[in-house]
């Protein structure tokens, strides 16, 4: 009886694991997200904030992959924050905190 019960538990668990893996397959959207992230560069040491905004614009295909206009404007600004983009509309997207 214990062997039958154990076999049944293993069978159910195995089918659950296979079903879970089928549900977590990557979709094309994730591949594009990886492409955006892996091909984007932070140009200046202090330009991480505009760099993040540029990645969002690239993800939504609003700008080309070679767009670095926000970072070129920001450069190494040390007194900036995400507040600089709060309620600012860029290419049809309004950023907010």
N, C-alpha and C. Protein backbone atom coordinates (compact mmCIF):
# COMPACT_ATOMS: atom_id res chain seq x y z
N UNK A 1 0.83 -1.20 0.00
CA UNK A 1 0.00 0.00 0.00
C UNK A 1 0.87 1.26 0.00
N UNK A 2 1.97 1.24 0.79
CA UNK A 2 2.84 2.40 0.85
C UNK A 2 3.51 2.64 -0.50
N UNK A 3 3.89 1.56 -1.21
CA UNK A 3 4.53 1.71 -2.51
C UNK A 3 3.56 2.31 -3.52
N UNK A 4 2.32 1.91 -3.46
CA UNK A 4 1.31 2.44 -4.38
C UNK A 4 1.07 3.92 -4.09
N UNK A 5 0.95 4.26 -2.83
CA UNK A 5 0.75 5.65 -2.45
C UNK A 5 1.95 6.51 -2.86
N UNK A 6 3.15 6.00 -2.61
CA UNK A 6 4.36 6.73 -3.00
C UNK A 6 4.41 6.91 -4.51
N UNK A 7 4.09 5.88 -5.26
CA UNK A 7 4.09 5.96 -6.73
C UNK A 7 3.07 6.98 -7.21
N UNK A 8 1.92 7.01 -6.58
CA UNK A 8 0.89 7.96 -6.95
C UNK A 8 1.35 9.40 -6.68
N UNK A 9 1.97 9.63 -5.54
CA UNK A 9 2.49 10.96 -5.19
C UNK A 9 3.55 11.38 -6.19
N UNK A 10 4.46 10.49 -6.54
CA UNK A 10 5.51 10.80 -7.52
C UNK A 10 4.89 11.13 -8.87
N UNK A 11 3.91 10.38 -9.29
CA UNK A 11 3.26 10.62 -10.57
C UNK A 11 2.57 11.98 -10.60
N UNK A 12 1.86 12.31 -9.55
CA UNK A 12 1.16 13.60 -9.48
C UNK A 12 2.18 14.74 -9.45
N UNK A 13 3.22 14.60 -8.64
CA UNK A 13 4.24 15.65 -8.55
C UNK A 13 4.94 15.85 -9.88
N UNK A 14 5.27 14.76 -10.57
CA UNK A 14 5.94 14.85 -11.87
C UNK A 14 5.07 15.58 -12.88
N UNK A 15 3.80 15.25 -12.93
CA UNK A 15 2.92 15.93 -13.88
C UNK A 15 2.78 17.40 -13.53
N UNK A 16 2.79 17.73 -12.24
CA UNK A 16 2.71 19.12 -11.81
C UNK A 16 3.96 19.89 -12.24
N UNK A 17 5.13 19.27 -12.09
CA UNK A 17 6.38 19.92 -12.48
C UNK A 17 6.39 20.18 -13.98
N UNK A 18 6.01 19.21 -14.79
CA UNK A 18 5.98 19.41 -16.24
C UNK A 18 4.98 20.50 -16.62
N UNK A 19 3.84 20.53 -15.95
CA UNK A 19 2.84 21.57 -16.23
C UNK A 19 3.38 22.94 -15.86
N UNK A 20 4.09 23.04 -14.74
CA UNK A 20 4.66 24.32 -14.31
C UNK A 20 5.68 24.83 -15.31
N UNK A 21 6.53 23.94 -15.81
CA UNK A 21 7.54 24.36 -16.78
C UNK A 21 6.88 24.82 -18.07
N UNK A 22 5.81 24.20 -18.45
CA UNK A 22 5.11 24.61 -19.66
C UNK A 22 4.52 26.01 -19.50
N UNK A 23 4.13 26.36 -18.29
CA UNK A 23 3.53 27.67 -18.04
C UNK A 23 4.57 28.79 -17.99
N UNK A 24 5.84 28.45 -17.80
CA UNK A 24 6.87 29.48 -17.64
C UNK A 24 7.78 29.60 -18.85
N UNK A 25 7.35 29.13 -19.99
CA UNK A 25 8.17 29.27 -21.19
C UNK A 25 8.30 30.74 -21.55
N UNK A 26 9.50 31.11 -22.04
CA UNK A 26 9.72 32.50 -22.42
C UNK A 26 8.86 32.86 -23.62
N UNK A 27 8.42 34.07 -23.61
CA UNK A 27 7.66 34.58 -24.73
C UNK A 27 8.55 35.54 -25.49
N UNK A 28 8.16 35.88 -26.71
CA UNK A 28 8.96 36.78 -27.54
C UNK A 28 9.20 38.12 -26.85
N UNK A 29 8.26 38.56 -26.03
CA UNK A 29 8.39 39.84 -25.35
C UNK A 29 9.61 39.87 -24.44
N UNK A 30 9.89 38.75 -23.77
CA UNK A 30 11.05 38.69 -22.88
C UNK A 30 12.33 38.75 -23.69
N UNK A 31 12.35 38.12 -24.85
CA UNK A 31 13.55 38.16 -25.69
C UNK A 31 13.81 39.59 -26.15
N UNK A 32 12.77 40.32 -26.50
CA UNK A 32 12.95 41.71 -26.91
C UNK A 32 13.42 42.55 -25.73
N UNK A 33 12.88 42.30 -24.54
CA UNK A 33 13.31 43.01 -23.33
C UNK A 33 14.81 42.79 -23.10
N UNK A 34 15.25 41.53 -23.22
CA UNK A 34 16.67 41.23 -23.06
C UNK A 34 17.50 41.94 -24.12
N UNK A 35 17.01 42.01 -25.34
CA UNK A 35 17.72 42.70 -26.41
C UNK A 35 17.87 44.18 -26.08
N UNK A 36 16.82 44.80 -25.60
CA UNK A 36 16.88 46.22 -25.24
C UNK A 36 17.90 46.43 -24.14
N UNK A 37 17.82 45.64 -23.09
CA UNK A 37 18.70 45.81 -21.93
C UNK A 37 20.16 45.53 -22.30
N UNK A 38 20.40 44.45 -23.02
CA UNK A 38 21.77 44.05 -23.32
C UNK A 38 22.44 44.94 -24.36
N UNK A 39 21.68 45.67 -25.15
CA UNK A 39 22.27 46.52 -26.18
C UNK A 39 22.27 48.00 -25.81
N UNK A 40 21.82 48.32 -24.62
CA UNK A 40 21.79 49.72 -24.18
C UNK A 40 23.03 50.00 -23.33
N UNK A 41 23.58 51.19 -23.48
CA UNK A 41 24.78 51.56 -22.73
C UNK A 41 24.51 52.79 -21.88
N UNK A 42 25.10 52.80 -20.71
CA UNK A 42 25.12 54.01 -19.89
C UNK A 42 26.38 54.75 -20.28
N UNK A 43 26.23 55.95 -20.81
CA UNK A 43 27.35 56.68 -21.39
C UNK A 43 28.21 57.39 -20.36
N UNK A 44 27.62 57.85 -19.29
CA UNK A 44 28.34 58.62 -18.29
C UNK A 44 28.15 57.97 -16.93
N UNK A 45 29.08 58.20 -16.04
CA UNK A 45 29.02 57.58 -14.72
C UNK A 45 27.76 57.97 -13.96
N UNK A 46 27.30 59.18 -14.13
CA UNK A 46 26.15 59.68 -13.36
C UNK A 46 24.86 59.74 -14.19
N UNK A 47 24.82 59.07 -15.33
CA UNK A 47 23.62 59.17 -16.19
C UNK A 47 22.71 57.96 -16.09
N UNK A 48 22.67 57.30 -14.93
CA UNK A 48 21.83 56.10 -14.80
C UNK A 48 20.34 56.42 -14.87
N UNK A 49 19.93 57.57 -14.38
CA UNK A 49 18.50 57.92 -14.40
C UNK A 49 18.00 58.12 -15.82
N UNK A 50 18.63 58.97 -16.64
CA UNK A 50 18.15 59.08 -18.02
C UNK A 50 18.38 57.80 -18.81
N UNK A 51 19.37 57.02 -18.43
CA UNK A 51 19.59 55.74 -19.09
C UNK A 51 18.40 54.81 -18.88
N UNK A 52 17.86 54.79 -17.67
CA UNK A 52 16.68 53.96 -17.38
C UNK A 52 15.47 54.43 -18.18
N UNK A 53 15.30 55.74 -18.29
CA UNK A 53 14.19 56.29 -19.08
C UNK A 53 14.36 55.93 -20.55
N UNK A 54 15.58 56.01 -21.05
CA UNK A 54 15.84 55.63 -22.45
C UNK A 54 15.51 54.17 -22.71
N UNK A 55 15.82 53.30 -21.75
CA UNK A 55 15.50 51.88 -21.93
C UNK A 55 14.00 51.66 -22.02
N UNK A 56 13.23 52.40 -21.25
CA UNK A 56 11.77 52.28 -21.32
C UNK A 56 11.27 52.73 -22.68
N UNK A 57 11.80 53.84 -23.17
CA UNK A 57 11.40 54.33 -24.49
C UNK A 57 11.78 53.33 -25.59
N UNK A 58 12.93 52.71 -25.45
CA UNK A 58 13.36 51.71 -26.43
C UNK A 58 12.49 50.46 -26.34
N UNK A 59 12.13 50.06 -25.14
CA UNK A 59 11.29 48.88 -24.96
C UNK A 59 9.94 49.05 -25.65
N UNK A 60 9.38 50.24 -25.55
CA UNK A 60 8.10 50.50 -26.19
C UNK A 60 8.24 50.93 -27.65
N UNK A 61 9.45 50.82 -28.18
CA UNK A 61 9.74 51.08 -29.60
C UNK A 61 9.38 52.51 -30.00
N UNK A 62 9.58 53.44 -29.08
CA UNK A 62 9.29 54.84 -29.36
C UNK A 62 10.51 55.57 -29.90
N UNK A 63 11.69 55.02 -29.64
CA UNK A 63 12.93 55.59 -30.15
C UNK A 63 13.78 54.45 -30.71
N UNK A 64 14.77 54.80 -31.51
CA UNK A 64 15.67 53.80 -32.08
C UNK A 64 16.64 53.28 -31.03
N UNK A 65 17.27 52.15 -31.35
CA UNK A 65 18.23 51.56 -30.43
C UNK A 65 19.46 52.44 -30.21
N UNK A 66 19.74 53.35 -31.13
CA UNK A 66 20.91 54.22 -30.98
C UNK A 66 20.57 55.56 -30.34
N UNK A 67 19.39 55.67 -29.71
CA UNK A 67 18.97 56.91 -29.06
C UNK A 67 19.64 57.05 -27.69
N UNK A 68 20.40 58.13 -27.51
CA UNK A 68 21.03 58.43 -26.23
C UNK A 68 20.89 59.92 -25.91
N UNK A 69 19.86 60.55 -26.43
CA UNK A 69 19.67 61.98 -26.27
C UNK A 69 19.52 62.45 -24.84
N UNK A 70 18.83 61.67 -24.02
CA UNK A 70 18.62 62.08 -22.62
C UNK A 70 19.93 62.04 -21.83
N UNK A 71 20.74 61.02 -22.08
CA UNK A 71 22.03 60.94 -21.39
C UNK A 71 22.99 62.02 -21.87
N UNK A 72 22.98 62.30 -23.16
CA UNK A 72 23.87 63.34 -23.69
C UNK A 72 23.52 64.71 -23.11
N UNK A 73 22.25 64.93 -22.84
CA UNK A 73 21.83 66.18 -22.22
C UNK A 73 22.19 66.21 -20.73
N UNK A 74 22.05 65.08 -20.06
CA UNK A 74 22.28 64.95 -18.61
C UNK A 74 23.77 64.95 -18.27
N UNK A 75 24.55 64.22 -19.04
CA UNK A 75 25.99 63.99 -18.85
C UNK A 75 26.27 63.50 -17.43
N UNK A 76 27.10 64.19 -16.67
CA UNK A 76 27.45 63.77 -15.30
C UNK A 76 26.80 64.65 -14.25
N UNK A 77 25.58 65.07 -14.52
CA UNK A 77 24.82 65.90 -13.57
C UNK A 77 24.70 65.15 -12.23
N UNK A 78 25.09 65.80 -11.15
CA UNK A 78 25.07 65.13 -9.85
C UNK A 78 23.90 65.52 -8.97
N UNK A 79 23.16 66.54 -9.38
CA UNK A 79 22.04 66.99 -8.54
C UNK A 79 20.69 66.59 -9.12
N UNK A 80 20.67 65.61 -10.00
CA UNK A 80 19.42 65.17 -10.61
C UNK A 80 18.81 63.98 -9.90
N UNK A 81 17.54 63.74 -10.19
CA UNK A 81 16.84 62.59 -9.63
C UNK A 81 15.70 62.23 -10.58
N UNK A 82 14.96 61.19 -10.22
CA UNK A 82 13.80 60.82 -11.04
C UNK A 82 12.74 61.91 -11.03
N UNK A 83 12.82 62.82 -10.07
CA UNK A 83 11.87 63.95 -10.04
C UNK A 83 12.00 64.81 -11.30
N UNK A 84 13.17 64.79 -11.92
CA UNK A 84 13.35 65.54 -13.16
C UNK A 84 12.44 65.02 -14.28
N UNK A 85 11.98 63.79 -14.15
CA UNK A 85 11.10 63.19 -15.15
C UNK A 85 9.67 63.04 -14.65
N UNK A 86 9.39 63.47 -13.42
CA UNK A 86 8.06 63.34 -12.84
C UNK A 86 7.06 64.19 -13.61
N UNK A 87 5.98 63.56 -14.05
CA UNK A 87 4.91 64.19 -14.84
C UNK A 87 5.42 64.79 -16.14
N UNK A 88 6.51 64.26 -16.65
CA UNK A 88 7.07 64.73 -17.92
C UNK A 88 6.67 63.74 -19.01
N UNK A 89 6.17 64.26 -20.11
CA UNK A 89 5.76 63.41 -21.22
C UNK A 89 6.86 63.39 -22.27
N UNK A 90 7.30 62.18 -22.60
CA UNK A 90 8.32 61.98 -23.62
C UNK A 90 7.82 60.95 -24.62
N UNK A 91 7.71 61.33 -25.85
CA UNK A 91 7.31 60.42 -26.93
C UNK A 91 5.98 59.71 -26.63
N UNK A 92 5.08 60.40 -25.97
CA UNK A 92 3.76 59.85 -25.71
C UNK A 92 3.60 59.13 -24.39
N UNK A 93 4.67 58.98 -23.63
CA UNK A 93 4.60 58.32 -22.32
C UNK A 93 4.83 59.38 -21.24
N UNK A 94 3.94 59.41 -20.25
CA UNK A 94 4.11 60.32 -19.13
C UNK A 94 4.73 59.55 -17.97
N UNK A 95 5.87 60.02 -17.52
CA UNK A 95 6.57 59.39 -16.41
C UNK A 95 6.10 60.02 -15.11
N UNK A 96 5.93 59.19 -14.09
CA UNK A 96 5.52 59.71 -12.78
C UNK A 96 6.11 58.83 -11.70
N UNK A 97 6.21 59.41 -10.52
CA UNK A 97 6.76 58.66 -9.38
C UNK A 97 5.64 57.98 -8.64
